[in-house]
Amino acid sequence: MEKNNIEGRHFSITDQNGVNTVIYQVNKTAKEYLKDSPKYTVERLNYTEELVGENKRKTFFVDDVSSENNQLVILSFGKDKVVVNMGILEEDRVRISKKPMPMKFKELYSEEAMEYRDFPYTPNLKRPISIIDPTTAEEIKPTLYYDEESNQVKGKCKLKPYKSYFAFEVRDSKEE
């Protein structure tokens, strides 16, 4: 891993042909917001990409480096599957789990156009759940709205018919 002298850190991975990896940082919600917010939110890391032969080298950037180790969720999208790994950003390196962790996840699919609603946002507008198009590995961006009944900012995502989506959120195992 390389250090950035300005602020934050960055590290690189190489995707084989046909694989598209995205990485999310897991953020713990501040105690003062826990009453009305999820315990964890996820934030997708920005990256740059360059071709190296038939492979893609991606350099990911972590702006908010905590004094503790930053937890990462690493999603590698292949043709018909998603491999989920966990990682930790330490001072001078990224440690990735040797075996993908078993995770519960939902695959969203409908034969009709639909909106997937009720994504509450924390005060800093980070989402507790992410919906990803597995073909492109792009996140489905929600439209924000204010829900007067719950007095919260929420989002809704438009999902296309006859298409699968990958959705995930981070929870403690005892929260199920």
C-alpha atoms as a PDB file:
ATOM      1  CA  MET A   1       0.000   0.000   0.000  1.00  0.00           C
ATOM      2  CA  GLU A   2       1.176   3.500  -0.760  1.00  0.00           C
ATOM      3  CA  LYS A   3       0.778   6.472   1.575  1.00  0.00           C
ATOM      4  CA  ASN A   4      -0.538   9.805   0.425  1.00  0.00           C
ATOM      5  CA  ASN A   5       1.338  12.625   2.151  1.00  0.00           C
ATOM      6  CA  ILE A   6      -1.471  15.156   1.784  1.00  0.00           C
ATOM      7  CA  GLU A   7      -4.278  13.393   3.656  1.00  0.00           C
ATOM      8  CA  GLY A   8      -5.972  10.041   3.538  1.00  0.00           C
ATOM      9  CA  ARG A   9      -4.574   6.875   2.046  1.00  0.00           C
ATOM     10  CA  HIS A  10      -4.770   4.868  -1.132  1.00  0.00           C
ATOM     11  CA  PHE A  11      -4.140   1.288  -2.182  1.00  0.00           C
ATOM     12  CA  SER A  12      -4.365  -0.695  -5.406  1.00  0.00           C
ATOM     13  CA  ILE A  13      -5.818  -4.025  -6.506  1.00  0.00           C
ATOM     14  CA  THR A  14      -5.868  -5.744  -9.895  1.00  0.00           C
ATOM     15  CA  ASP A  15      -9.101  -7.102 -11.389  1.00  0.00           C
ATOM     16  CA  GLN A  16      -8.827  -9.982 -13.808  1.00  0.00           C
ATOM     17  CA  ASN A  17     -10.659  -9.755 -17.119  1.00  0.00           C
ATOM     18  CA  GLY A  18     -14.423 -10.133 -16.496  1.00  0.00           C
ATOM     19  CA  VAL A  19     -14.244  -9.109 -12.802  1.00  0.00           C
ATOM     20  CA  ASN A  20     -15.300  -5.717 -11.461  1.00  0.00           C
ATOM     21  CA  THR A  21     -14.406  -4.943  -7.831  1.00  0.00           C
ATOM     22  CA  VAL A  22     -15.891  -2.156  -5.720  1.00  0.00           C
ATOM     23  CA  ILE A  23     -14.986  -1.391  -2.109  1.00  0.00           C
ATOM     24  CA  TYR A  24     -17.046   0.165   0.664  1.00  0.00           C
ATOM     25  CA  GLN A  25     -15.798   1.578   3.950  1.00  0.00           C
ATOM     26  CA  VAL A  26     -17.901   0.650   6.985  1.00  0.00           C
ATOM     27  CA  ASN A  27     -18.699   3.672   9.164  1.00  0.00           C
ATOM     28  CA  LYS A  28     -19.960   3.418  12.726  1.00  0.00           C
ATOM     29  CA  THR A  29     -22.671   5.968  13.514  1.00  0.00           C
ATOM     30  CA  ALA A  30     -21.822   8.492  16.231  1.00  0.00           C
ATOM     31  CA  LYS A  31     -23.531   7.799  19.584  1.00  0.00           C
ATOM     32  CA  GLU A  32     -25.580  11.001  19.481  1.00  0.00           C
ATOM     33  CA  TYR A  33     -27.333   9.815  16.283  1.00  0.00           C
ATOM     34  CA  LEU A  34     -27.854   6.133  17.193  1.00  0.00           C
ATOM     35  CA  LYS A  35     -31.415   6.573  18.476  1.00  0.00           C
ATOM     36  CA  ASP A  36     -32.778   7.424  15.000  1.00  0.00           C
ATOM     37  CA  SER A  37     -30.077   5.936  12.761  1.00  0.00           C
ATOM     38  CA  PRO A  38     -28.589   2.546  11.879  1.00  0.00           C
ATOM     39  CA  LYS A  39     -25.505   1.474  13.831  1.00  0.00           C
ATOM     40  CA  TYR A  40     -23.430   1.203  10.631  1.00  0.00           C
ATOM     41  CA  THR A  41     -23.454   2.894   7.235  1.00  0.00           C
ATOM     42  CA  VAL A  42     -21.376   2.128   4.159  1.00  0.00           C
ATOM     43  CA  GLU A  43     -19.541   4.562   1.914  1.00  0.00           C
ATOM     44  CA  ARG A  44     -18.267   3.573  -1.504  1.00  0.00           C
ATOM     45  CA  LEU A  45     -14.604   4.394  -2.065  1.00  0.00           C
ATOM     46  CA  ASN A  46     -13.635   6.456  -5.084  1.00  0.00           C
ATOM     47  CA  TYR A  47     -11.044   4.950  -7.400  1.00  0.00           C
ATOM     48  CA  THR A  48      -9.044   5.458 -10.555  1.00  0.00           C
ATOM     49  CA  GLU A  49      -8.532   2.732 -13.121  1.00  0.00           C
ATOM     50  CA  GLU A  50      -5.796   1.855 -15.607  1.00  0.00           C
ATOM     51  CA  LEU A  51      -5.411  -1.058 -18.019  1.00  0.00           C
ATOM     52  CA  VAL A  52      -2.503  -3.426 -17.402  1.00  0.00           C
ATOM     53  CA  GLY A  53      -2.587  -5.927 -20.261  1.00  0.00           C
ATOM     54  CA  GLU A  54      -6.048  -7.515 -20.129  1.00  0.00           C
ATOM     55  CA  ASN A  55      -6.458  -6.673 -16.430  1.00  0.00           C
ATOM     56  CA  LYS A  56      -7.556  -3.465 -14.688  1.00  0.00           C
ATOM     57  CA  ARG A  57      -5.525  -1.927 -11.891  1.00  0.00           C
ATOM     58  CA  LYS A  58      -7.747   0.073  -9.547  1.00  0.00           C
ATOM     59  CA  THR A  59      -6.414   2.534  -6.985  1.00  0.00           C
ATOM     60  CA  PHE A  60      -8.913   3.181  -4.164  1.00  0.00           C
ATOM     61  CA  PHE A  61      -8.853   6.305  -1.989  1.00  0.00           C
ATOM     62  CA  VAL A  62      -9.764   6.511   1.714  1.00  0.00           C
ATOM     63  CA  ASP A  63     -10.219  10.129   2.812  1.00  0.00           C
ATOM     64  CA  ASP A  64     -11.505   9.552   6.347  1.00  0.00           C
ATOM     65  CA  VAL A  65      -8.797   7.500   8.036  1.00  0.00           C
ATOM     66  CA  SER A  66      -9.721   6.763  11.641  1.00  0.00           C
ATOM     67  CA  SER A  67      -7.255   6.216  14.445  1.00  0.00           C
ATOM     68  CA  GLU A  68      -8.680   2.683  14.636  1.00  0.00           C
ATOM     69  CA  ASN A  69      -8.482   0.295  11.698  1.00  0.00           C
ATOM     70  CA  ASN A  70     -10.919   1.104   8.895  1.00  0.00           C
ATOM     71  CA  GLN A  71     -13.153  -1.851   8.009  1.00  0.00           C
ATOM     72  CA  LEU A  72     -13.780  -2.536   4.325  1.00  0.00           C
ATOM     73  CA  VAL A  73     -16.339  -4.598   2.393  1.00  0.00           C
ATOM     74  CA  ILE A  74     -14.870  -5.807  -0.895  1.00  0.00           C
ATOM     75  CA  LEU A  75     -17.351  -6.895  -3.585  1.00  0.00           C
ATOM     76  CA  SER A  76     -16.012  -8.571  -6.725  1.00  0.00           C
ATOM     77  CA  PHE A  77     -18.659  -8.977  -9.426  1.00  0.00           C
ATOM     78  CA  GLY A  78     -18.085 -11.750 -11.957  1.00  0.00           C
ATOM     79  CA  LYS A  79     -20.286 -13.043 -14.739  1.00  0.00           C
ATOM     80  CA  ASP A  80     -22.857 -14.850 -12.564  1.00  0.00           C
ATOM     81  CA  LYS A  81     -21.664 -14.315  -8.999  1.00  0.00           C
ATOM     82  CA  VAL A  82     -20.500 -11.887  -6.371  1.00  0.00           C
ATOM     83  CA  VAL A  83     -17.547 -12.674  -4.105  1.00  0.00           C
ATOM     84  CA  VAL A  84     -17.720 -10.841  -0.764  1.00  0.00           C
ATOM     85  CA  ASN A  85     -14.539 -10.285   1.263  1.00  0.00           C
ATOM     86  CA  MET A  86     -13.812  -8.231   4.341  1.00  0.00           C
ATOM     87  CA  GLY A  87     -10.694  -6.147   4.770  1.00  0.00           C
ATOM     88  CA  ILE A  88      -9.017  -3.850   7.249  1.00  0.00           C
ATOM     89  CA  LEU A  89      -7.010  -0.771   6.342  1.00  0.00           C
ATOM     90  CA  GLU A  90      -4.127  -0.643   8.788  1.00  0.00           C
ATOM     91  CA  GLU A  91      -1.475   2.057   8.988  1.00  0.00           C
ATOM     92  CA  ASP A  92       0.693   0.800   6.170  1.00  0.00           C
ATOM     93  CA  ARG A  93      -1.295  -1.983   4.456  1.00  0.00           C
ATOM     94  CA  VAL A  94      -4.646  -3.534   3.637  1.00  0.00           C
ATOM     95  CA  ARG A  95      -5.369  -6.940   5.135  1.00  0.00           C
ATOM     96  CA  ILE A  96      -7.974  -8.972   3.241  1.00  0.00           C
ATOM     97  CA  SER A  97      -9.663 -12.105   4.567  1.00  0.00           C
ATOM     98  CA  LYS A  98      -8.167 -15.268   3.069  1.00  0.00           C
ATOM     99  CA  LYS A  99     -11.574 -16.819   2.469  1.00  0.00           C
ATOM    100  CA  PRO A 100     -14.706 -14.928   1.480  1.00  0.00           C
ATOM    101  CA  MET A 101     -16.984 -14.540   4.483  1.00  0.00           C
ATOM    102  CA  PRO A 102     -20.423 -16.098   4.426  1.00  0.00           C
ATOM    103  CA  MET A 103     -22.905 -13.262   4.175  1.00  0.00           C
ATOM    104  CA  LYS A 104     -26.643 -13.000   4.058  1.00  0.00           C
ATOM    105  CA  PHE A 105     -27.777 -10.930   1.120  1.00  0.00           C
ATOM    106  CA  LYS A 106     -30.881 -10.330  -0.882  1.00  0.00           C
ATOM    107  CA  GLU A 107     -31.153 -10.446  -4.617  1.00  0.00           C
ATOM    108  CA  LEU A 108     -33.841  -8.047  -5.780  1.00  0.00           C
ATOM    109  CA  TYR A 109     -35.770  -9.130  -8.863  1.00  0.00           C
ATOM    110  CA  SER A 110     -39.138  -8.186 -10.285  1.00  0.00           C
ATOM    111  CA  GLU A 111     -40.962  -8.730 -13.532  1.00  0.00           C
ATOM    112  CA  GLU A 112     -42.486  -5.256 -13.243  1.00  0.00           C
ATOM    113  CA  ALA A 113     -40.869  -1.846 -12.960  1.00  0.00           C
ATOM    114  CA  MET A 114     -40.821  -0.906  -9.307  1.00  0.00           C
ATOM    115  CA  GLU A 115     -39.458   1.470  -6.698  1.00  0.00           C
ATOM    116  CA  TYR A 116     -37.596   0.125  -3.702  1.00  0.00           C
ATOM    117  CA  ARG A 117     -38.318   2.545  -0.860  1.00  0.00           C
ATOM    118  CA  ASP A 118     -37.570   3.433   2.704  1.00  0.00           C
ATOM    119  CA  PHE A 119     -33.847   3.908   2.815  1.00  0.00           C
ATOM    120  CA  PRO A 120     -33.371   6.117   5.853  1.00  0.00           C
ATOM    121  CA  TYR A 121     -30.321   8.354   5.712  1.00  0.00           C
ATOM    122  CA  THR A 122     -28.100   9.345   8.606  1.00  0.00           C
ATOM    123  CA  PRO A 123     -27.576  13.078   9.229  1.00  0.00           C
ATOM    124  CA  ASN A 124     -24.517  13.059   6.935  1.00  0.00           C
ATOM    125  CA  LEU A 125     -26.659  11.457   4.159  1.00  0.00           C
ATOM    126  CA  LYS A 126     -24.860   8.096   4.224  1.00  0.00           C
ATOM    127  CA  ARG A 127     -27.020   5.058   3.517  1.00  0.00           C
ATOM    128  CA  PRO A 128     -27.223   1.937   5.636  1.00  0.00           C
ATOM    129  CA  ILE A 129     -28.032  -0.183   2.558  1.00  0.00           C
ATOM    130  CA  SER A 130     -26.711  -0.230  -0.988  1.00  0.00           C
ATOM    131  CA  ILE A 131     -28.300  -1.601  -4.158  1.00  0.00           C
ATOM    132  CA  ILE A 132     -25.877  -2.477  -6.953  1.00  0.00           C
ATOM    133  CA  ASP A 133     -26.374  -3.467 -10.584  1.00  0.00           C
ATOM    134  CA  PRO A 134     -24.196  -6.613 -10.788  1.00  0.00           C
ATOM    135  CA  THR A 135     -23.660  -6.201 -14.543  1.00  0.00           C
ATOM    136  CA  THR A 136     -21.954  -2.805 -14.228  1.00  0.00           C
ATOM    137  CA  ALA A 137     -21.098  -2.839 -10.473  1.00  0.00           C
ATOM    138  CA  GLU A 138     -22.617   0.648 -10.325  1.00  0.00           C
ATOM    139  CA  GLU A 139     -24.699   1.679  -7.345  1.00  0.00           C
ATOM    140  CA  ILE A 140     -28.333   2.533  -8.017  1.00  0.00           C
ATOM    141  CA  LYS A 141     -28.588   6.167  -6.966  1.00  0.00           C
ATOM    142  CA  PRO A 142     -31.735   6.999  -5.008  1.00  0.00           C
ATOM    143  CA  THR A 143     -33.961  10.018  -5.255  1.00  0.00           C
ATOM    144  CA  LEU A 144     -34.082  11.697  -1.847  1.00  0.00           C
ATOM    145  CA  TYR A 145     -37.337  12.846  -0.294  1.00  0.00           C
ATOM    146  CA  TYR A 146     -38.507  14.073   3.106  1.00  0.00           C
ATOM    147  CA  ASP A 147     -40.937  11.736   4.871  1.00  0.00           C
ATOM    148  CA  GLU A 148     -43.089  14.005   7.051  1.00  0.00           C
ATOM    149  CA  GLU A 149     -44.655  11.087   8.922  1.00  0.00           C
ATOM    150  CA  SER A 150     -41.311   9.804  10.243  1.00  0.00           C
ATOM    151  CA  ASN A 151     -39.589  13.217  10.110  1.00  0.00           C
ATOM    152  CA  GLN A 152     -36.647  11.703   8.170  1.00  0.00           C
ATOM    153  CA  VAL A 153     -34.825  12.084   4.894  1.00  0.00           C
ATOM    154  CA  LYS A 154     -35.330   8.880   2.903  1.00  0.00           C
ATOM    155  CA  GLY A 155     -34.593   7.630  -0.564  1.00  0.00           C
ATOM    156  CA  LYS A 156     -36.234   5.525  -3.237  1.00  0.00           C
ATOM    157  CA  CYS A 157     -34.572   3.626  -6.075  1.00  0.00           C
ATOM    158  CA  LYS A 158     -36.157   2.808  -9.427  1.00  0.00           C
ATOM    159  CA  LEU A 159     -35.500  -0.799 -10.406  1.00  0.00           C
ATOM    160  CA  LYS A 160     -35.906  -2.126 -13.940  1.00  0.00           C
ATOM    161  CA  PRO A 161     -38.046  -5.192 -14.649  1.00  0.00           C
ATOM    162  CA  TYR A 162     -36.494  -8.590 -15.491  1.00  0.00           C
ATOM    163  CA  LYS A 163     -33.183  -7.572 -13.904  1.00  0.00           C
ATOM    164  CA  SER A 164     -31.429  -8.785 -10.762  1.00  0.00           C
ATOM    165  CA  TYR A 165     -29.819  -6.409  -8.269  1.00  0.00           C
ATOM    166  CA  PHE A 166     -27.435  -7.036  -5.377  1.00  0.00           C
ATOM    167  CA  ALA A 167     -28.416  -5.344  -2.089  1.00  0.00           C
ATOM    168  CA  PHE A 168     -26.465  -5.345   1.172  1.00  0.00           C
ATOM    169  CA  GLU A 169     -26.180  -3.630   4.516  1.00  0.00           C
ATOM    170  CA  VAL A 170     -23.820  -4.072   7.479  1.00  0.00           C
ATOM    171  CA  ARG A 171     -25.235  -5.208  10.836  1.00  0.00           C
ATOM    172  CA  ASP A 172     -23.993  -6.851  14.001  1.00  0.00           C
ATOM    173  CA  SER A 173     -24.860 -10.567  14.008  1.00  0.00           C
ATOM    174  CA  LYS A 174     -27.065 -10.062  17.086  1.00  0.00           C
ATOM    175  CA  GLU A 175     -29.173  -7.411  15.269  1.00  0.00           C
ATOM    176  CA  GLU A 176     -30.845  -9.930  12.929  1.00  0.00           C
END
